[in-house]
Amino acid sequence: MQGIGIGESDFKILRAKDFYFIDKSLFIKHILDNSSKIALITRPRRFGKTLNMSMLRHFLDCNQKDSRKLFEGLKIMEQGKKYTEKLGAYPCI
C-alpha cells in the first residue's frame, strides 16, 4: 500500500496509486438491488459520498475502458454474474 489518499475522491486514482481503501463496493450491489426510481444518499461531511459516487460511475459507465481491473479483489466481483455483467453497461453523466 502506498499510503492514505487524504482528500482524494476519485476511485480510479485511489486504486491506481494503491492507496488504502476500505472496500465499500457492496454499495453498488445495494444500489442495483434497490427497485426505487430515486436514491437519496445522505451522510455527514467527509463520509465518502463523492468517493462512493465515483466508484459507482467507474463500475457502471460504458465509457470506462479499464473498469474490470479497478474492481479486481473487491467484494462486488465475488457477487456473481448478475452484478459483474453490469460492469460498463450504462452511459453515465
PDB file of N, CA and C in Angstrom:
ATOM      1  N   MET A   1       0.823  -1.178   0.000  1.00  0.00           N
ATOM      2  CA  MET A   1       0.000   0.000   0.000  1.00  0.00           C
ATOM      3  C   MET A   1       0.871   1.246   0.000  1.00  0.00           C
ATOM      4  N   GLN A   2       0.468   2.187  -0.805  1.00  0.00           N
ATOM      5  CA  GLN A   2       1.198   3.437  -0.989  1.00  0.00           C
ATOM      6  C   GLN A   2       1.037   4.378   0.193  1.00  0.00           C
ATOM      7  N   GLY A   3      -0.138   4.476   0.748  1.00  0.00           N
ATOM      8  CA  GLY A   3      -0.414   5.416   1.831  1.00  0.00           C
ATOM      9  C   GLY A   3      -1.881   5.751   1.853  1.00  0.00           C
ATOM     10  N   ILE A   4      -2.190   6.842   2.513  1.00  0.00           N
ATOM     11  CA  ILE A   4      -3.575   7.277   2.632  1.00  0.00           C
ATOM     12  C   ILE A   4      -3.803   8.415   1.654  1.00  0.00           C
ATOM     13  N   GLY A   5      -4.797   8.300   0.816  1.00  0.00           N
ATOM     14  CA  GLY A   5      -5.110   9.324  -0.174  1.00  0.00           C
ATOM     15  C   GLY A   5      -6.009  10.389   0.424  1.00  0.00           C
ATOM     16  N   ILE A   6      -5.480  11.162   1.358  1.00  0.00           N
ATOM     17  CA  ILE A   6      -6.283  12.173   2.044  1.00  0.00           C
ATOM     18  C   ILE A   6      -6.807  13.188   1.042  1.00  0.00           C
ATOM     19  N   GLY A   7      -8.100  13.404   1.059  1.00  0.00           N
ATOM     20  CA  GLY A   7      -8.730  14.373   0.179  1.00  0.00           C
ATOM     21  C   GLY A   7      -8.980  13.882  -1.235  1.00  0.00           C
ATOM     22  N   GLU A   8      -8.583  12.674  -1.553  1.00  0.00           N
ATOM     23  CA  GLU A   8      -8.771  12.133  -2.902  1.00  0.00           C
ATOM     24  C   GLU A   8     -10.156  11.504  -2.999  1.00  0.00           C
ATOM     25  N   SER A   9     -10.942  11.964  -3.954  1.00  0.00           N
ATOM     26  CA  SER A   9     -12.307  11.449  -4.075  1.00  0.00           C
ATOM     27  C   SER A   9     -12.555  10.748  -5.406  1.00  0.00           C
ATOM     28  N   ASP A  10     -11.499  10.481  -6.157  1.00  0.00           N
ATOM     29  CA  ASP A  10     -11.642   9.762  -7.423  1.00  0.00           C
ATOM     30  C   ASP A  10     -11.226   8.309  -7.208  1.00  0.00           C
ATOM     31  N   PHE A  11     -12.178   7.410  -7.382  1.00  0.00           N
ATOM     32  CA  PHE A  11     -11.956   5.984  -7.156  1.00  0.00           C
ATOM     33  C   PHE A  11     -10.812   5.444  -8.010  1.00  0.00           C
ATOM     34  N   LYS A  12     -10.751   5.854  -9.261  1.00  0.00           N
ATOM     35  CA  LYS A  12      -9.726   5.356 -10.170  1.00  0.00           C
ATOM     36  C   LYS A  12      -8.327   5.730  -9.688  1.00  0.00           C
ATOM     37  N   ILE A  13      -8.154   6.938  -9.212  1.00  0.00           N
ATOM     38  CA  ILE A  13      -6.844   7.376  -8.721  1.00  0.00           C
ATOM     39  C   ILE A  13      -6.463   6.619  -7.459  1.00  0.00           C
ATOM     40  N   LEU A  14      -7.417   6.433  -6.547  1.00  0.00           N
ATOM     41  CA  LEU A  14      -7.133   5.680  -5.321  1.00  0.00           C
ATOM     42  C   LEU A  14      -6.655   4.268  -5.631  1.00  0.00           C
ATOM     43  N   ARG A  15      -7.328   3.614  -6.558  1.00  0.00           N
ATOM     44  CA  ARG A  15      -6.950   2.236  -6.900  1.00  0.00           C
ATOM     45  C   ARG A  15      -5.657   2.183  -7.716  1.00  0.00           C
ATOM     46  N   ALA A  16      -5.479   3.136  -8.625  1.00  0.00           N
ATOM     47  CA  ALA A  16      -4.286   3.137  -9.478  1.00  0.00           C
ATOM     48  C   ALA A  16      -3.015   3.421  -8.676  1.00  0.00           C
ATOM     49  N   LYS A  17      -3.112   4.305  -7.697  1.00  0.00           N
ATOM     50  CA  LYS A  17      -1.941   4.654  -6.886  1.00  0.00           C
ATOM     51  C   LYS A  17      -1.781   3.754  -5.672  1.00  0.00           C
ATOM     52  N   ASP A  18      -2.649   2.751  -5.551  1.00  0.00           N
ATOM     53  CA  ASP A  18      -2.576   1.757  -4.485  1.00  0.00           C
ATOM     54  C   ASP A  18      -2.663   2.376  -3.091  1.00  0.00           C
ATOM     55  N   PHE A  19      -3.545   3.379  -2.946  1.00  0.00           N
ATOM     56  CA  PHE A  19      -3.789   3.966  -1.638  1.00  0.00           C
ATOM     57  C   PHE A  19      -4.660   3.016  -0.819  1.00  0.00           C
ATOM     58  N   TYR A  20      -4.625   3.174   0.493  1.00  0.00           N
ATOM     59  CA  TYR A  20      -5.522   2.400   1.347  1.00  0.00           C
ATOM     60  C   TYR A  20      -6.956   2.698   0.950  1.00  0.00           C
ATOM     61  N   PHE A  21      -7.772   1.660   0.912  1.00  0.00           N
ATOM     62  CA  PHE A  21      -9.166   1.810   0.503  1.00  0.00           C
ATOM     63  C   PHE A  21     -10.003   0.801   1.269  1.00  0.00           C
ATOM     64  N   ILE A  22     -10.999   1.305   1.998  1.00  0.00           N
ATOM     65  CA  ILE A  22     -11.935   0.413   2.683  1.00  0.00           C
ATOM     66  C   ILE A  22     -12.975  -0.020   1.660  1.00  0.00           C
ATOM     67  N   ASP A  23     -13.073  -1.316   1.452  1.00  0.00           N
ATOM     68  CA  ASP A  23     -13.931  -1.859   0.403  1.00  0.00           C
ATOM     69  C   ASP A  23     -15.410  -1.617   0.721  1.00  0.00           C
ATOM     70  N   LYS A  24     -15.979  -0.639   0.041  1.00  0.00           N
ATOM     71  CA  LYS A  24     -17.406  -0.346   0.158  1.00  0.00           C
ATOM     72  C   LYS A  24     -18.117  -0.702  -1.149  1.00  0.00           C
ATOM     73  N   SER A  25     -17.543  -1.628  -1.908  1.00  0.00           N
ATOM     74  CA  SER A  25     -18.094  -1.941  -3.221  1.00  0.00           C
ATOM     75  C   SER A  25     -19.452  -2.638  -3.145  1.00  0.00           C
ATOM     76  N   LEU A  26     -19.813  -3.164  -2.001  1.00  0.00           N
ATOM     77  CA  LEU A  26     -21.149  -3.759  -1.879  1.00  0.00           C
ATOM     78  C   LEU A  26     -22.234  -2.689  -1.902  1.00  0.00           C
ATOM     79  N   PHE A  27     -21.829  -1.417  -1.809  1.00  0.00           N
ATOM     80  CA  PHE A  27     -22.755  -0.302  -2.012  1.00  0.00           C
ATOM     81  C   PHE A  27     -23.352  -0.392  -3.419  1.00  0.00           C
ATOM     82  N   ILE A  28     -22.564  -0.822  -4.388  1.00  0.00           N
ATOM     83  CA  ILE A  28     -23.024  -0.985  -5.771  1.00  0.00           C
ATOM     84  C   ILE A  28     -24.128  -2.039  -5.814  1.00  0.00           C
ATOM     85  N   LYS A  29     -23.916  -3.143  -5.126  1.00  0.00           N
ATOM     86  CA  LYS A  29     -24.932  -4.205  -5.065  1.00  0.00           C
ATOM     87  C   LYS A  29     -26.222  -3.662  -4.452  1.00  0.00           C
ATOM     88  N   HIS A  30     -26.082  -2.895  -3.403  1.00  0.00           N
ATOM     89  CA  HIS A  30     -27.254  -2.306  -2.738  1.00  0.00           C
ATOM     90  C   HIS A  30     -28.020  -1.396  -3.704  1.00  0.00           C
ATOM     91  N   ILE A  31     -27.311  -0.572  -4.451  1.00  0.00           N
ATOM     92  CA  ILE A  31     -27.947   0.337  -5.412  1.00  0.00           C
ATOM     93  C   ILE A  31     -28.640  -0.460  -6.523  1.00  0.00           C
ATOM     94  N   LEU A  32     -27.985  -1.489  -7.048  1.00  0.00           N
ATOM     95  CA  LEU A  32     -28.564  -2.284  -8.135  1.00  0.00           C
ATOM     96  C   LEU A  32     -29.771  -3.097  -7.667  1.00  0.00           C
ATOM     97  N   ASP A  33     -29.765  -3.527  -6.414  1.00  0.00           N
ATOM     98  CA  ASP A  33     -30.888  -4.303  -5.881  1.00  0.00           C
ATOM     99  C   ASP A  33     -32.072  -3.427  -5.489  1.00  0.00           C
ATOM    100  N   ASN A  34     -31.828  -2.147  -5.292  1.00  0.00           N
ATOM    101  CA  ASN A  34     -32.881  -1.226  -4.876  1.00  0.00           C
ATOM    102  C   ASN A  34     -33.799  -0.946  -6.069  1.00  0.00           C
ATOM    103  N   SER A  35     -35.081  -1.150  -5.885  1.00  0.00           N
ATOM    104  CA  SER A  35     -36.020  -1.003  -7.003  1.00  0.00           C
ATOM    105  C   SER A  35     -36.634   0.392  -7.108  1.00  0.00           C
ATOM    106  N   SER A  36     -36.314   1.292  -6.186  1.00  0.00           N
ATOM    107  CA  SER A  36     -36.901   2.629  -6.248  1.00  0.00           C
ATOM    108  C   SER A  36     -36.260   3.444  -7.374  1.00  0.00           C
ATOM    109  N   LYS A  37     -36.992   4.420  -7.885  1.00  0.00           N
ATOM    110  CA  LYS A  37     -36.521   5.229  -9.000  1.00  0.00           C
ATOM    111  C   LYS A  37     -35.458   6.240  -8.576  1.00  0.00           C
ATOM    112  N   ILE A  38     -35.502   6.663  -7.328  1.00  0.00           N
ATOM    113  CA  ILE A  38     -34.583   7.688  -6.839  1.00  0.00           C
ATOM    114  C   ILE A  38     -33.868   7.171  -5.601  1.00  0.00           C
ATOM    115  N   ALA A  39     -32.562   7.408  -5.535  1.00  0.00           N
ATOM    116  CA  ALA A  39     -31.790   7.059  -4.348  1.00  0.00           C
ATOM    117  C   ALA A  39     -31.234   8.338  -3.741  1.00  0.00           C
ATOM    118  N   LEU A  40     -31.585   8.608  -2.509  1.00  0.00           N
ATOM    119  CA  LEU A  40     -31.096   9.770  -1.793  1.00  0.00           C
ATOM    120  C   LEU A  40     -29.979   9.306  -0.874  1.00  0.00           C
ATOM    121  N   ILE A  41     -28.790   9.802  -1.102  1.00  0.00           N
ATOM    122  CA  ILE A  41     -27.618   9.404  -0.319  1.00  0.00           C
ATOM    123  C   ILE A  41     -27.296  10.532   0.655  1.00  0.00           C
ATOM    124  N   THR A  42     -27.605  10.340   1.919  1.00  0.00           N
ATOM    125  CA  THR A  42     -27.327  11.356   2.928  1.00  0.00           C
ATOM    126  C   THR A  42     -26.339  10.805   3.944  1.00  0.00           C
ATOM    127  N   ARG A  43     -25.301  11.529   4.165  1.00  0.00           N
ATOM    128  CA  ARG A  43     -24.276  11.193   5.150  1.00  0.00           C
ATOM    129  C   ARG A  43     -23.648  12.500   5.628  1.00  0.00           C
ATOM    130  N   PRO A  44     -22.989  12.481   6.782  1.00  0.00           N
ATOM    131  CA  PRO A  44     -22.308  13.697   7.240  1.00  0.00           C
ATOM    132  C   PRO A  44     -21.145  14.086   6.322  1.00  0.00           C
ATOM    133  N   ARG A  45     -20.635  15.282   6.517  1.00  0.00           N
ATOM    134  CA  ARG A  45     -19.476  15.741   5.739  1.00  0.00           C
ATOM    135  C   ARG A  45     -18.316  14.768   5.911  1.00  0.00           C
ATOM    136  N   ARG A  46     -17.508  14.651   4.850  1.00  0.00           N
ATOM    137  CA  ARG A  46     -16.284  13.833   4.854  1.00  0.00           C
ATOM    138  C   ARG A  46     -16.558  12.356   5.149  1.00  0.00           C
ATOM    139  N   PHE A  47     -17.693  11.864   4.705  1.00  0.00           N
ATOM    140  CA  PHE A  47     -18.094  10.484   4.991  1.00  0.00           C
ATOM    141  C   PHE A  47     -17.973   9.581   3.773  1.00  0.00           C
ATOM    142  N   GLY A  48     -17.526  10.115   2.629  1.00  0.00           N
ATOM    143  CA  GLY A  48     -17.275   9.281   1.465  1.00  0.00           C
ATOM    144  C   GLY A  48     -18.353   9.283   0.404  1.00  0.00           C
ATOM    145  N   LYS A  49     -19.236  10.265   0.410  1.00  0.00           N
ATOM    146  CA  LYS A  49     -20.310  10.294  -0.586  1.00  0.00           C
ATOM    147  C   LYS A  49     -19.750  10.435  -2.002  1.00  0.00           C
ATOM    148  N   THR A  50     -18.831  11.368  -2.191  1.00  0.00           N
ATOM    149  CA  THR A  50     -18.271  11.611  -3.520  1.00  0.00           C
ATOM    150  C   THR A  50     -17.461  10.408  -3.993  1.00  0.00           C
ATOM    151  N   LEU A  51     -16.698   9.800  -3.105  1.00  0.00           N
ATOM    152  CA  LEU A  51     -15.927   8.612  -3.466  1.00  0.00           C
ATOM    153  C   LEU A  51     -16.849   7.460  -3.855  1.00  0.00           C
ATOM    154  N   ASN A  52     -17.949   7.274  -3.131  1.00  0.00           N
ATOM    155  CA  ASN A  52     -18.902   6.214  -3.480  1.00  0.00           C
ATOM    156  C   ASN A  52     -19.557   6.471  -4.839  1.00  0.00           C
ATOM    157  N   MET A  53     -19.878   7.722  -5.126  1.00  0.00           N
ATOM    158  CA  MET A  53     -20.461   8.057  -6.433  1.00  0.00           C
ATOM    159  C   MET A  53     -19.433   7.838  -7.543  1.00  0.00           C
ATOM    160  N   SER A  54     -18.169   8.152  -7.273  1.00  0.00           N
ATOM    161  CA  SER A  54     -17.106   7.908  -8.245  1.00  0.00           C
ATOM    162  C   SER A  54     -16.944   6.406  -8.501  1.00  0.00           C
ATOM    163  N   MET A  55     -16.995   5.608  -7.430  1.00  0.00           N
ATOM    164  CA  MET A  55     -16.890   4.151  -7.566  1.00  0.00           C
ATOM    165  C   MET A  55     -18.064   3.614  -8.387  1.00  0.00           C
ATOM    166  N   LEU A  56     -19.253   4.103  -8.114  1.00  0.00           N
ATOM    167  CA  LEU A  56     -20.436   3.675  -8.852  1.00  0.00           C
ATOM    168  C   LEU A  56     -20.321   4.050 -10.330  1.00  0.00           C
ATOM    169  N   ARG A  57     -19.845   5.258 -10.608  1.00  0.00           N
ATOM    170  CA  ARG A  57     -19.673   5.700 -12.000  1.00  0.00           C
ATOM    171  C   ARG A  57     -18.649   4.829 -12.727  1.00  0.00           C
ATOM    172  N   HIS A  58     -17.524   4.556 -12.088  1.00  0.00           N
ATOM    173  CA  HIS A  58     -16.499   3.729 -12.735  1.00  0.00           C
ATOM    174  C   HIS A  58     -16.983   2.296 -12.951  1.00  0.00           C
ATOM    175  N   PHE A  59     -17.891   1.830 -12.126  1.00  0.00           N
ATOM    176  CA  PHE A  59     -18.427   0.485 -12.299  1.00  0.00           C
ATOM    177  C   PHE A  59     -19.433   0.422 -13.445  1.00  0.00           C
ATOM    178  N   LEU A  60     -20.330   1.387 -13.523  1.00  0.00           N
ATOM    179  CA  LEU A  60     -21.437   1.321 -14.476  1.00  0.00           C
ATOM    180  C   LEU A  60     -21.150   1.955 -15.830  1.00  0.00           C
ATOM    181  N   ASP A  61     -20.265   2.937 -15.899  1.00  0.00           N
ATOM    182  CA  ASP A  61     -20.069   3.750 -17.103  1.00  0.00           C
ATOM    183  C   ASP A  61     -19.488   2.940 -18.264  1.00  0.00           C
ATOM    184  N   CYS A  62     -20.181   2.992 -19.401  1.00  0.00           N
ATOM    185  CA  CYS A  62     -19.732   2.260 -20.587  1.00  0.00           C
ATOM    186  C   CYS A  62     -18.529   2.926 -21.254  1.00  0.00           C
ATOM    187  N   ASN A  63     -18.190   4.146 -20.876  1.00  0.00           N
ATOM    188  CA  ASN A  63     -17.021   4.825 -21.447  1.00  0.00           C
ATOM    189  C   ASN A  63     -15.739   4.539 -20.689  1.00  0.00           C
ATOM    190  N   GLN A  64     -15.824   3.827 -19.585  1.00  0.00           N
ATOM    191  CA  GLN A  64     -14.644   3.463 -18.800  1.00  0.00           C
ATOM    192  C   GLN A  64     -14.064   2.172 -19.376  1.00  0.00           C
ATOM    193  N   LYS A  65     -12.855   2.253 -19.898  1.00  0.00           N
ATOM    194  CA  LYS A  65     -12.272   1.105 -20.603  1.00  0.00           C
ATOM    195  C   LYS A  65     -11.621   0.080 -19.677  1.00  0.00           C
ATOM    196  N   ASP A  66     -11.044   0.512 -18.569  1.00  0.00           N
ATOM    197  CA  ASP A  66     -10.289  -0.411 -17.717  1.00  0.00           C
ATOM    198  C   ASP A  66     -10.966  -0.662 -16.372  1.00  0.00           C
ATOM    199  N   SER A  67     -12.275  -0.647 -16.346  1.00  0.00           N
ATOM    200  CA  SER A  67     -13.008  -0.774 -15.089  1.00  0.00           C
ATOM    201  C   SER A  67     -12.799  -2.122 -14.406  1.00  0.00           C
ATOM    202  N   ARG A  68     -12.762  -3.186 -15.134  1.00  0.00           N
ATOM    203  CA  ARG A  68     -12.624  -4.515 -14.520  1.00  0.00           C
ATOM    204  C   ARG A  68     -11.354  -4.591 -13.679  1.00  0.00           C
ATOM    205  N   LYS A  69     -10.285  -4.004 -14.163  1.00  0.00           N
ATOM    206  CA  LYS A  69      -9.019  -4.014 -13.428  1.00  0.00           C
ATOM    207  C   LYS A  69      -9.144  -3.239 -12.112  1.00  0.00           C
ATOM    208  N   LEU A  70      -9.916  -2.149 -12.111  1.00  0.00           N
ATOM    209  CA  LEU A  70     -10.101  -1.350 -10.896  1.00  0.00           C
ATOM    210  C   LEU A  70     -10.817  -2.124  -9.802  1.00  0.00           C
ATOM    211  N   PHE A  71     -11.689  -3.038 -10.173  1.00  0.00           N
ATOM    212  CA  PHE A  71     -12.524  -3.741  -9.209  1.00  0.00           C
ATOM    213  C   PHE A  71     -12.007  -5.126  -8.847  1.00  0.00           C
ATOM    214  N   GLU A  72     -10.854  -5.512  -9.392  1.00  0.00           N
ATOM    215  CA  GLU A  72     -10.272  -6.813  -9.048  1.00  0.00           C
ATOM    216  C   GLU A  72      -9.967  -6.863  -7.557  1.00  0.00           C
ATOM    217  N   GLY A  73     -10.400  -7.928  -6.911  1.00  0.00           N
ATOM    218  CA  GLY A  73     -10.141  -8.123  -5.495  1.00  0.00           C
ATOM    219  C   GLY A  73     -11.167  -7.479  -4.572  1.00  0.00           C
ATOM    220  N   LEU A  74     -12.150  -6.787  -5.124  1.00  0.00           N
ATOM    221  CA  LEU A  74     -13.175  -6.164  -4.293  1.00  0.00           C
ATOM    222  C   LEU A  74     -14.393  -7.082  -4.183  1.00  0.00           C
ATOM    223  N   LYS A  75     -15.176  -6.887  -3.142  1.00  0.00           N
ATOM    224  CA  LYS A  75     -16.318  -7.770  -2.839  1.00  0.00           C
ATOM    225  C   LYS A  75     -17.359  -7.827  -3.956  1.00  0.00           C
ATOM    226  N   ILE A  76     -17.560  -6.741  -4.685  1.00  0.00           N
ATOM    227  CA  ILE A  76     -18.585  -6.731  -5.729  1.00  0.00           C
ATOM    228  C   ILE A  76     -18.293  -7.764  -6.813  1.00  0.00           C
ATOM    229  N   MET A  77     -17.030  -8.050  -7.060  1.00  0.00           N
ATOM    230  CA  MET A  77     -16.666  -9.016  -8.098  1.00  0.00           C
ATOM    231  C   MET A  77     -16.928 -10.456  -7.657  1.00  0.00           C
ATOM    232  N   GLU A  78     -17.176 -10.663  -6.384  1.00  0.00           N
ATOM    233  CA  GLU A  78     -17.474 -12.000  -5.854  1.00  0.00           C
ATOM    234  C   GLU A  78     -18.976 -12.271  -5.772  1.00  0.00           C
ATOM    235  N   GLN A  79     -19.799 -11.313  -6.191  1.00  0.00           N
ATOM    236  CA  GLN A  79     -21.241 -11.413  -6.014  1.00  0.00           C
ATOM    237  C   GLN A  79     -21.966 -12.131  -7.144  1.00  0.00           C
ATOM    238  N   GLY A  80     -21.246 -12.520  -8.158  1.00  0.00           N
ATOM    239  CA  GLY A  80     -21.852 -13.297  -9.233  1.00  0.00           C
ATOM    240  C   GLY A  80     -22.091 -12.505 -10.507  1.00  0.00           C
ATOM    241  N   LYS A  81     -22.504 -13.247 -11.518  1.00  0.00           N
ATOM    242  CA  LYS A  81     -22.686 -12.691 -12.853  1.00  0.00           C
ATOM    243  C   LYS A  81     -23.768 -11.618 -12.912  1.00  0.00           C
ATOM    244  N   LYS A  82     -24.770 -11.724 -12.059  1.00  0.00           N
ATOM    245  CA  LYS A  82     -25.862 -10.739 -12.035  1.00  0.00           C
ATOM    246  C   LYS A  82     -25.312  -9.323 -11.876  1.00  0.00           C
ATOM    247  N   TYR A  83     -24.236  -9.181 -11.133  1.00  0.00           N
ATOM    248  CA  TYR A  83     -23.662  -7.858 -10.876  1.00  0.00           C
ATOM    249  C   TYR A  83     -22.483  -7.558 -11.801  1.00  0.00           C
ATOM    250  N   THR A  84     -21.658  -8.545 -12.069  1.00  0.00           N
ATOM    251  CA  THR A  84     -20.491  -8.285 -12.921  1.00  0.00           C
ATOM    252  C   THR A  84     -20.883  -7.994 -14.372  1.00  0.00           C
ATOM    253  N   GLU A  85     -22.045  -8.463 -14.806  1.00  0.00           N
ATOM    254  CA  GLU A  85     -22.468  -8.153 -16.174  1.00  0.00           C
ATOM    255  C   GLU A  85     -22.913  -6.697 -16.309  1.00  0.00           C
ATOM    256  N   LYS A  86     -23.137  -6.014 -15.205  1.00  0.00           N
ATOM    257  CA  LYS A  86     -23.490  -4.588 -15.215  1.00  0.00           C
ATOM    258  C   LYS A  86     -22.249  -3.701 -15.355  1.00  0.00           C
ATOM    259  N   LEU A  87     -21.067  -4.298 -15.246  1.00  0.00           N
ATOM    260  CA  LEU A  87     -19.818  -3.549 -15.345  1.00  0.00           C
ATOM    261  C   LEU A  87     -19.676  -2.952 -16.735  1.00  0.00           C
ATOM    262  N   GLY A  88     -19.659  -1.636 -16.795  1.00  0.00           N
ATOM    263  CA  GLY A  88     -19.523  -0.935 -18.069  1.00  0.00           C
ATOM    264  C   GLY A  88     -20.733  -1.049 -18.986  1.00  0.00           C
ATOM    265  N   ALA A  89     -21.914  -1.172 -18.400  1.00  0.00           N
ATOM    266  CA  ALA A  89     -23.112  -1.414 -19.209  1.00  0.00           C
ATOM    267  C   ALA A  89     -23.973  -0.192 -19.467  1.00  0.00           C
ATOM    268  N   TYR A  90     -23.721   0.923 -18.815  1.00  0.00           N
ATOM    269  CA  TYR A  90     -24.610   2.078 -18.912  1.00  0.00           C
ATOM    270  C   TYR A  90     -23.853   3.374 -19.195  1.00  0.00           C
ATOM    271  N   PRO A  91     -24.475   4.280 -19.948  1.00  0.00           N
ATOM    272  CA  PRO A  91     -23.877   5.620 -20.083  1.00  0.00           C
ATOM    273  C   PRO A  91     -24.115   6.390 -18.780  1.00  0.00           C
ATOM    274  N   CYS A  92     -23.115   7.101 -18.323  1.00  0.00           N
ATOM    275  CA  CYS A  92     -23.218   7.861 -17.073  1.00  0.00           C
ATOM    276  C   CYS A  92     -22.812   9.313 -17.308  1.00  0.00           C
ATOM    277  N   ILE A  93     -23.458  10.191 -16.560  1.00  0.00           N
ATOM    278  CA  ILE A  93     -23.127  11.615 -16.625  1.00  0.00           C
ATOM    279  C   ILE A  93     -22.305  11.968 -15.408  1.00  0.00           C
TER     280      ILE A  93
END
